[in-house]
Amino acid sequence: MRTRHIPQRTCVQCRQVQDKRNLVRLVHTSEGQLVIDESGKRNGRGAYLCRQKSCWETAIKGEQLSKALRMEIGQDEKRVLQEFLSALPE
């Protein structure tokens, strides 16, 4: 019996490698928008973050996420990220 391959991805903030399903994908779309992609299948440049509040808080404040997505993150995008952060469990 073959074991199934589980895709691995790295959180851009804490640099921990985890299963793709345990991370949240953020996408810089061709229209220039920042979208939270729960399905992990949208087109565009993607970056992954853990489901930990500490990673999200430092990603919103810092520049690492902007570099990974190759875009400037404005106030509207930060507001969307902050809303998703507030929904994360402790």
C-alpha atoms as a PDB file:
ATOM      1  CA  MET A   1       0.000   0.000   0.000  1.00  0.00           C
ATOM      2  CA  ARG A   2       1.429   3.392  -1.010  1.00  0.00           C
ATOM      3  CA  THR A   3       1.575   6.331   1.320  1.00  0.00           C
ATOM      4  CA  ARG A   4       0.025   9.490  -0.029  1.00  0.00           C
ATOM      5  CA  HIS A   5       2.256  12.513  -0.598  1.00  0.00           C
ATOM      6  CA  ILE A   6       1.345  15.468   1.626  1.00  0.00           C
ATOM      7  CA  PRO A   7       2.493  18.847   0.234  1.00  0.00           C
ATOM      8  CA  GLN A   8       4.685  20.879   2.585  1.00  0.00           C
ATOM      9  CA  ARG A   9       4.886  24.683   2.710  1.00  0.00           C
ATOM     10  CA  THR A  10       6.834  27.203   4.805  1.00  0.00           C
ATOM     11  CA  CYS A  11       5.310  30.014   6.841  1.00  0.00           C
ATOM     12  CA  VAL A  12       6.849  33.271   5.592  1.00  0.00           C
ATOM     13  CA  GLN A  13       6.987  34.663   9.110  1.00  0.00           C
ATOM     14  CA  CYS A  14       8.217  31.913  11.469  1.00  0.00           C
ATOM     15  CA  ARG A  15       9.840  29.786   8.698  1.00  0.00           C
ATOM     16  CA  GLN A  16       8.369  26.520  10.042  1.00  0.00           C
ATOM     17  CA  VAL A  17       7.580  23.820   7.476  1.00  0.00           C
ATOM     18  CA  GLN A  18       4.078  22.372   7.871  1.00  0.00           C
ATOM     19  CA  ASP A  19       1.436  20.544   5.882  1.00  0.00           C
ATOM     20  CA  LYS A  20      -0.134  22.804   3.281  1.00  0.00           C
ATOM     21  CA  ARG A  21      -3.605  22.297   4.781  1.00  0.00           C
ATOM     22  CA  ASN A  22      -2.456  23.657   8.169  1.00  0.00           C
ATOM     23  CA  LEU A  23      -1.415  27.006   6.680  1.00  0.00           C
ATOM     24  CA  VAL A  24      -3.394  29.925   5.261  1.00  0.00           C
ATOM     25  CA  ARG A  25      -2.508  31.064   1.743  1.00  0.00           C
ATOM     26  CA  LEU A  26      -2.476  34.750   0.852  1.00  0.00           C
ATOM     27  CA  VAL A  27      -2.586  35.613  -2.844  1.00  0.00           C
ATOM     28  CA  HIS A  28      -1.518  38.692  -4.783  1.00  0.00           C
ATOM     29  CA  THR A  29      -3.870  38.478  -7.757  1.00  0.00           C
ATOM     30  CA  SER A  30      -3.238  39.769 -11.266  1.00  0.00           C
ATOM     31  CA  GLU A  31      -5.665  42.620 -10.496  1.00  0.00           C
ATOM     32  CA  GLY A  32      -3.336  43.783  -7.725  1.00  0.00           C
ATOM     33  CA  GLN A  33      -5.522  42.681  -4.825  1.00  0.00           C
ATOM     34  CA  LEU A  34      -4.556  40.774  -1.689  1.00  0.00           C
ATOM     35  CA  VAL A  35      -6.917  37.841  -1.102  1.00  0.00           C
ATOM     36  CA  ILE A  36      -7.053  35.256   1.690  1.00  0.00           C
ATOM     37  CA  ASP A  37      -7.319  31.944  -0.142  1.00  0.00           C
ATOM     38  CA  GLU A  38      -8.711  29.225   2.135  1.00  0.00           C
ATOM     39  CA  SER A  39      -8.913  26.715  -0.735  1.00  0.00           C
ATOM     40  CA  GLY A  40      -5.260  27.217  -1.737  1.00  0.00           C
ATOM     41  CA  LYS A  41      -6.048  27.143  -5.450  1.00  0.00           C
ATOM     42  CA  ARG A  42      -6.485  30.750  -6.627  1.00  0.00           C
ATOM     43  CA  ASN A  43      -4.260  32.108  -9.354  1.00  0.00           C
ATOM     44  CA  GLY A  44      -1.566  34.585  -8.406  1.00  0.00           C
ATOM     45  CA  ARG A  45       1.548  34.922  -6.308  1.00  0.00           C
ATOM     46  CA  GLY A  46       1.043  33.125  -3.022  1.00  0.00           C
ATOM     47  CA  ALA A  47       2.535  33.160   0.457  1.00  0.00           C
ATOM     48  CA  TYR A  48       1.649  31.047   3.472  1.00  0.00           C
ATOM     49  CA  LEU A  49       1.135  31.966   7.131  1.00  0.00           C
ATOM     50  CA  CYS A  50       0.561  29.773  10.187  1.00  0.00           C
ATOM     51  CA  ARG A  51      -2.738  29.872  11.998  1.00  0.00           C
ATOM     52  CA  GLN A  52      -0.999  31.475  14.990  1.00  0.00           C
ATOM     53  CA  LYS A  53      -1.901  34.998  16.028  1.00  0.00           C
ATOM     54  CA  SER A  54       1.738  35.874  16.669  1.00  0.00           C
ATOM     55  CA  CYS A  55       2.704  35.151  13.045  1.00  0.00           C
ATOM     56  CA  TRP A  56      -0.204  37.214  11.710  1.00  0.00           C
ATOM     57  CA  GLU A  57       0.505  40.163  14.012  1.00  0.00           C
ATOM     58  CA  THR A  58       4.176  40.371  13.026  1.00  0.00           C
ATOM     59  CA  ALA A  59       3.332  39.820   9.345  1.00  0.00           C
ATOM     60  CA  ILE A  60       0.901  42.758   9.381  1.00  0.00           C
ATOM     61  CA  LYS A  61       3.449  45.043  11.066  1.00  0.00           C
ATOM     62  CA  GLY A  62       6.575  43.878   9.224  1.00  0.00           C
ATOM     63  CA  GLU A  63       7.824  43.756   5.656  1.00  0.00           C
ATOM     64  CA  GLN A  64       8.311  39.996   5.199  1.00  0.00           C
ATOM     65  CA  LEU A  65       4.834  39.428   3.753  1.00  0.00           C
ATOM     66  CA  SER A  66       5.226  42.336   1.326  1.00  0.00           C
ATOM     67  CA  LYS A  67       8.488  40.883   0.067  1.00  0.00           C
ATOM     68  CA  ALA A  68       7.035  37.394  -0.321  1.00  0.00           C
ATOM     69  CA  LEU A  69       4.026  38.668  -2.284  1.00  0.00           C
ATOM     70  CA  ARG A  70       6.026  41.311  -4.172  1.00  0.00           C
ATOM     71  CA  MET A  71       3.498  44.042  -3.422  1.00  0.00           C
ATOM     72  CA  GLU A  72       2.912  46.985  -1.128  1.00  0.00           C
ATOM     73  CA  ILE A  73       0.342  46.173   1.533  1.00  0.00           C
ATOM     74  CA  GLY A  74      -1.894  49.191   2.066  1.00  0.00           C
ATOM     75  CA  GLN A  75      -4.343  50.075   4.826  1.00  0.00           C
ATOM     76  CA  ASP A  76      -7.269  48.296   3.130  1.00  0.00           C
ATOM     77  CA  GLU A  77      -5.311  45.052   2.890  1.00  0.00           C
ATOM     78  CA  LYS A  78      -4.107  45.389   6.483  1.00  0.00           C
ATOM     79  CA  ARG A  79      -7.714  45.813   7.607  1.00  0.00           C
ATOM     80  CA  VAL A  80      -8.694  42.554   5.849  1.00  0.00           C
ATOM     81  CA  LEU A  81      -5.759  40.749   7.461  1.00  0.00           C
ATOM     82  CA  GLN A  82      -6.648  42.192  10.872  1.00  0.00           C
ATOM     83  CA  GLU A  83     -10.240  40.925  10.521  1.00  0.00           C
ATOM     84  CA  PHE A  84      -8.995  37.422   9.707  1.00  0.00           C
ATOM     85  CA  LEU A  85      -6.557  37.646  12.628  1.00  0.00           C
ATOM     86  CA  SER A  86      -9.373  38.428  15.047  1.00  0.00           C
ATOM     87  CA  ALA A  87     -11.197  35.250  13.937  1.00  0.00           C
ATOM     88  CA  LEU A  88      -8.192  33.013  14.691  1.00  0.00           C
ATOM     89  CA  PRO A  89      -8.288  30.970  17.910  1.00  0.00           C
ATOM     90  CA  GLU A  90      -5.880  31.752  20.739  1.00  0.00           C
END
